[in-house]
PDB file of N, CA and C in Angstrom:
ATOM      1  N   MET A   1     146.989 -12.721 107.667  1.00  0.00           N
ATOM      2  CA  MET A   1     146.441 -11.656 106.842  1.00  0.00           C
ATOM      3  C   MET A   1     146.234 -10.385 107.668  1.00  0.00           C
ATOM      4  N   ARG A   2     145.842 -10.522 108.924  1.00  0.00           N
ATOM      5  CA  ARG A   2     145.615  -9.354 109.772  1.00  0.00           C
ATOM      6  C   ARG A   2     146.895  -8.562 109.981  1.00  0.00           C
ATOM      7  N   PHE A   3     148.003  -9.276 110.194  1.00  0.00           N
ATOM      8  CA  PHE A   3     149.286  -8.605 110.397  1.00  0.00           C
ATOM      9  C   PHE A   3     149.690  -7.823 109.152  1.00  0.00           C
ATOM     10  N   ILE A   4     149.522  -8.411 108.003  1.00  0.00           N
ATOM     11  CA  ILE A   4     149.866  -7.735 106.747  1.00  0.00           C
ATOM     12  C   ILE A   4     148.980  -6.510 106.549  1.00  0.00           C
ATOM     13  N   ALA A   5     147.704  -6.648 106.834  1.00  0.00           N
ATOM     14  CA  ALA A   5     146.786  -5.515 106.715  1.00  0.00           C
ATOM     15  C   ALA A   5     147.209  -4.398 107.668  1.00  0.00           C
ATOM     16  N   ALA A   6     147.630  -4.743 108.883  1.00  0.00           N
ATOM     17  CA  ALA A   6     148.098  -3.741 109.842  1.00  0.00           C
ATOM     18  C   ALA A   6     149.354  -3.045 109.326  1.00  0.00           C
ATOM     19  N   GLN A   7     150.250  -3.791 108.714  1.00  0.00           N
ATOM     20  CA  GLN A   7     151.468  -3.196 108.154  1.00  0.00           C
ATOM     21  C   GLN A   7     151.136  -2.255 107.003  1.00  0.00           C
ATOM     22  N   PHE A   8     150.226  -2.665 106.141  1.00  0.00           N
ATOM     23  CA  PHE A   8     149.829  -1.800 105.027  1.00  0.00           C
ATOM     24  C   PHE A   8     149.154  -0.532 105.534  1.00  0.00           C
ATOM     25  N   TYR A   9     148.341  -0.654 106.569  1.00  0.00           N
ATOM     26  CA  TYR A   9     147.694   0.518 107.152  1.00  0.00           C
ATOM     27  C   TYR A   9     148.744   1.445 107.756  1.00  0.00           C
ATOM     28  N   GLU A  10     149.677   0.870 108.511  1.00  0.00           N
ATOM     29  CA  GLU A  10     150.711   1.670 109.171  1.00  0.00           C
ATOM     30  C   GLU A  10     151.571   2.422 108.149  1.00  0.00           C
ATOM     31  N   SER A  11     151.846   1.789 107.025  1.00  0.00           N
ATOM     32  CA  SER A  11     152.688   2.420 106.007  1.00  0.00           C
ATOM     33  C   SER A  11     151.919   3.422 105.146  1.00  0.00           C
ATOM     34  N   GLY A  12     150.605   3.447 105.290  1.00  0.00           N
ATOM     35  CA  GLY A  12     149.792   4.382 104.510  1.00  0.00           C
ATOM     36  C   GLY A  12     149.361   3.842 103.162  1.00  0.00           C
ATOM     37  N   LYS A  13     149.665   2.582 102.895  1.00  0.00           N
ATOM     38  CA  LYS A  13     149.287   1.972 101.609  1.00  0.00           C
ATOM     39  C   LYS A  13     147.799   1.651 101.539  1.00  0.00           C
ATOM     40  N   LEU A  14     147.179   1.458 102.712  1.00  0.00           N
ATOM     41  CA  LEU A  14     145.742   1.194 102.779  1.00  0.00           C
ATOM     42  C   LEU A  14     145.106   2.117 103.801  1.00  0.00           C
ATOM     43  N   SER A  15     143.873   2.485 103.552  1.00  0.00           N
ATOM     44  CA  SER A  15     143.104   3.233 104.544  1.00  0.00           C
ATOM     45  C   SER A  15     142.651   2.252 105.631  1.00  0.00           C
ATOM     46  N   LEU A  16     142.104   2.794 106.704  1.00  0.00           N
ATOM     47  CA  LEU A  16     141.595   1.933 107.773  1.00  0.00           C
ATOM     48  C   LEU A  16     140.527   0.986 107.233  1.00  0.00           C
ATOM     49  N   GLY A  17     139.617   1.509 106.435  1.00  0.00           N
ATOM     50  CA  GLY A  17     138.551   0.679 105.872  1.00  0.00           C
ATOM     51  C   GLY A  17     139.070  -0.394 104.935  1.00  0.00           C
ATOM     52  N   GLN A  18     140.037  -0.034 104.104  1.00  0.00           N
ATOM     53  CA  GLN A  18     140.610  -1.008 103.173  1.00  0.00           C
ATOM     54  C   GLN A  18     141.347  -2.113 103.926  1.00  0.00           C
ATOM     55  N   ALA A  19     142.112  -1.715 104.941  1.00  0.00           N
ATOM     56  CA  ALA A  19     142.852  -2.705 105.721  1.00  0.00           C
ATOM     57  C   ALA A  19     141.889  -3.607 106.501  1.00  0.00           C
ATOM     58  N   ALA A  20     140.825  -3.025 107.026  1.00  0.00           N
ATOM     59  CA  ALA A  20     139.824  -3.829 107.733  1.00  0.00           C
ATOM     60  C   ALA A  20     139.175  -4.828 106.787  1.00  0.00           C
ATOM     61  N   ASP A  21     138.867  -4.390 105.571  1.00  0.00           N
ATOM     62  CA  ASP A  21     138.297  -5.305 104.578  1.00  0.00           C
ATOM     63  C   ASP A  21     139.273  -6.434 104.261  1.00  0.00           C
ATOM     64  N   MET A  22     140.547  -6.081 104.106  1.00  0.00           N
ATOM     65  CA  MET A  22     141.569  -7.087 103.811  1.00  0.00           C
ATOM     66  C   MET A  22     141.650  -8.126 104.930  1.00  0.00           C
ATOM     67  N   ALA A  23     141.518  -7.654 106.173  1.00  0.00           N
ATOM     68  CA  ALA A  23     141.569  -8.549 107.335  1.00  0.00           C
ATOM     69  C   ALA A  23     140.230  -9.228 107.598  1.00  0.00           C
ATOM     70  N   ARG A  24     139.212  -8.843 106.824  1.00  0.00           N
ATOM     71  CA  ARG A  24     137.855  -9.380 106.977  1.00  0.00           C
ATOM     72  C   ARG A  24     137.275  -9.089 108.357  1.00  0.00           C
ATOM     73  N   LEU A  25     137.475  -7.824 108.782  1.00  0.00           N
ATOM     74  CA  LEU A  25     136.980  -7.369 110.071  1.00  0.00           C
ATOM     75  C   LEU A  25     136.239  -6.055 109.878  1.00  0.00           C
ATOM     76  N   SER A  26     135.440  -5.686 110.869  1.00  0.00           N
ATOM     77  CA  SER A  26     134.826  -4.356 110.841  1.00  0.00           C
ATOM     78  C   SER A  26     135.930  -3.338 111.123  1.00  0.00           C
ATOM     79  N   LYS A  27     135.686  -2.079 110.768  1.00  0.00           N
ATOM     80  CA  LYS A  27     136.688  -1.043 111.024  1.00  0.00           C
ATOM     81  C   LYS A  27     136.974  -0.927 112.521  1.00  0.00           C
ATOM     82  N   ARG A  28     135.932  -1.004 113.312  1.00  0.00           N
ATOM     83  CA  ARG A  28     136.112  -0.896 114.764  1.00  0.00           C
ATOM     84  C   ARG A  28     136.976  -2.034 115.312  1.00  0.00           C
ATOM     85  N   THR A  29     136.675  -3.252 114.913  1.00  0.00           N
ATOM     86  CA  THR A  29     137.437  -4.405 115.391  1.00  0.00           C
ATOM     87  C   THR A  29     138.886  -4.324 114.922  1.00  0.00           C
ATOM     88  N   PHE A  30     139.077  -3.919 113.665  1.00  0.00           N
ATOM     89  CA  PHE A  30     140.437  -3.798 113.144  1.00  0.00           C
ATOM     90  C   PHE A  30     141.207  -2.717 113.897  1.00  0.00           C
ATOM     91  N   ALA A  31     140.558  -1.588 114.172  1.00  0.00           N
ATOM     92  CA  ALA A  31     141.208  -0.501 114.911  1.00  0.00           C
ATOM     93  C   ALA A  31     141.633  -0.983 116.295  1.00  0.00           C
ATOM     94  N   GLU A  32     140.804  -1.781 116.942  1.00  0.00           N
ATOM     95  CA  GLU A  32     141.150  -2.321 118.251  1.00  0.00           C
ATOM     96  C   GLU A  32     142.303  -3.316 118.153  1.00  0.00           C
ATOM     97  N   LEU A  33     142.378  -4.041 117.061  1.00  0.00           N
ATOM     98  CA  LEU A  33     143.423  -5.041 116.849  1.00  0.00           C
ATOM     99  C   LEU A  33     144.788  -4.413 116.593  1.00  0.00           C
ATOM    100  N   LEU A  34     144.821  -3.196 116.083  1.00  0.00           N
ATOM    101  CA  LEU A  34     146.084  -2.553 115.723  1.00  0.00           C
ATOM    102  C   LEU A  34     147.073  -2.520 116.885  1.00  0.00           C
ATOM    103  N   SER A  35     146.599  -2.292 118.082  1.00  0.00           N
ATOM    104  CA  SER A  35     147.507  -2.219 119.227  1.00  0.00           C
ATOM    105  C   SER A  35     148.194  -3.560 119.484  1.00  0.00           C
ATOM    106  N   ASP A  36     147.553  -4.657 119.117  1.00  0.00           N
ATOM    107  CA  ASP A  36     148.171  -5.976 119.272  1.00  0.00           C
ATOM    108  C   ASP A  36     149.419  -6.108 118.406  1.00  0.00           C
ATOM    109  N   TYR A  37     149.495  -5.319 117.341  1.00  0.00           N
ATOM    110  CA  TYR A  37     150.632  -5.341 116.419  1.00  0.00           C
ATOM    111  C   TYR A  37     151.538  -4.132 116.608  1.00  0.00           C
ATOM    112  N   GLY A  38     151.329  -3.381 117.692  1.00  0.00           N
ATOM    113  CA  GLY A  38     152.186  -2.245 117.984  1.00  0.00           C
ATOM    114  C   GLY A  38     151.932  -1.023 117.122  1.00  0.00           C
ATOM    115  N   VAL A  39     150.744  -0.948 116.526  1.00  0.00           N
ATOM    116  CA  VAL A  39     150.385   0.181 115.673  1.00  0.00           C
ATOM    117  C   VAL A  39     149.460   1.098 116.455  1.00  0.00           C
ATOM    118  N   SER A  40     149.828   2.368 116.564  1.00  0.00           N
ATOM    119  CA  SER A  40     149.028   3.345 117.288  1.00  0.00           C
ATOM    120  C   SER A  40     148.063   4.036 116.333  1.00  0.00           C
ATOM    121  N   LEU A  41     146.786   3.775 116.486  1.00  0.00           N
ATOM    122  CA  LEU A  41     145.768   4.372 115.632  1.00  0.00           C
ATOM    123  C   LEU A  41     145.752   5.886 115.794  1.00  0.00           C
ATOM    124  N   ILE A  42     145.825   6.363 117.013  1.00  0.00           N
ATOM    125  CA  ILE A  42     145.758   7.805 117.271  1.00  0.00           C
ATOM    126  C   ILE A  42     146.972   8.516 116.665  1.00  0.00           C
ATOM    127  N   LYS A  43     148.150   7.955 116.854  1.00  0.00           N
ATOM    128  CA  LYS A  43     149.371   8.560 116.311  1.00  0.00           C
ATOM    129  C   LYS A  43     149.286   8.645 114.790  1.00  0.00           C
ATOM    130  N   LEU A  44     148.830   7.582 114.148  1.00  0.00           N
ATOM    131  CA  LEU A  44     148.733   7.575 112.689  1.00  0.00           C
ATOM    132  C   LEU A  44     147.692   8.570 112.187  1.00  0.00           C
ATOM    133  N   LEU A  45     146.564   8.642 112.871  1.00  0.00           N
ATOM    134  CA  LEU A  45     145.529   9.595 112.459  1.00  0.00           C
ATOM    135  C   LEU A  45     146.037  11.020 112.589  1.00  0.00           C
ATOM    136  N   CYS A  46     146.744  11.324 113.650  1.00  0.00           N
ATOM    137  CA  CYS A  46     147.287  12.670 113.840  1.00  0.00           C
ATOM    138  C   CYS A  46     148.320  12.995 112.770  1.00  0.00           C
ATOM    139  N   GLN A  47     149.177  12.062 112.441  1.00  0.00           N
ATOM    140  CA  GLN A  47     150.212  12.278 111.436  1.00  0.00           C
ATOM    141  C   GLN A  47     149.596  12.547 110.063  1.00  0.00           C
ATOM    142  N   ARG A  48     148.504  11.905 109.770  1.00  0.00           N
ATOM    143  CA  ARG A  48     147.896  12.045 108.447  1.00  0.00           C
ATOM    144  C   ARG A  48     147.138  13.348 108.287  1.00  0.00           C
ATOM    145  N   PHE A  49     146.767  13.992 109.402  1.00  0.00           N
ATOM    146  CA  PHE A  49     146.049  15.245 109.328  1.00  0.00           C
ATOM    147  C   PHE A  49     146.953  16.466 109.488  1.00  0.00           C
ATOM    148  N   ILE A  50     148.216  16.225 109.794  1.00  0.00           N
ATOM    149  CA  ILE A  50     149.151  17.343 109.952  1.00  0.00           C
ATOM    150  C   ILE A  50     149.854  17.629 108.649  1.00  0.00           C
TER     151      ILE A  50
END
């Protein structure tokens, strides 16, 4: 479930909070987990604000 939540977050289908809820983790823990799946939190945040 965590991997799927990370994929949905990366694709923009879920927000960080929604994906964390889906993975049943806190936002902080989920954000830390993203790197385990090759997802860059900083890169995604920058892309969404540009």
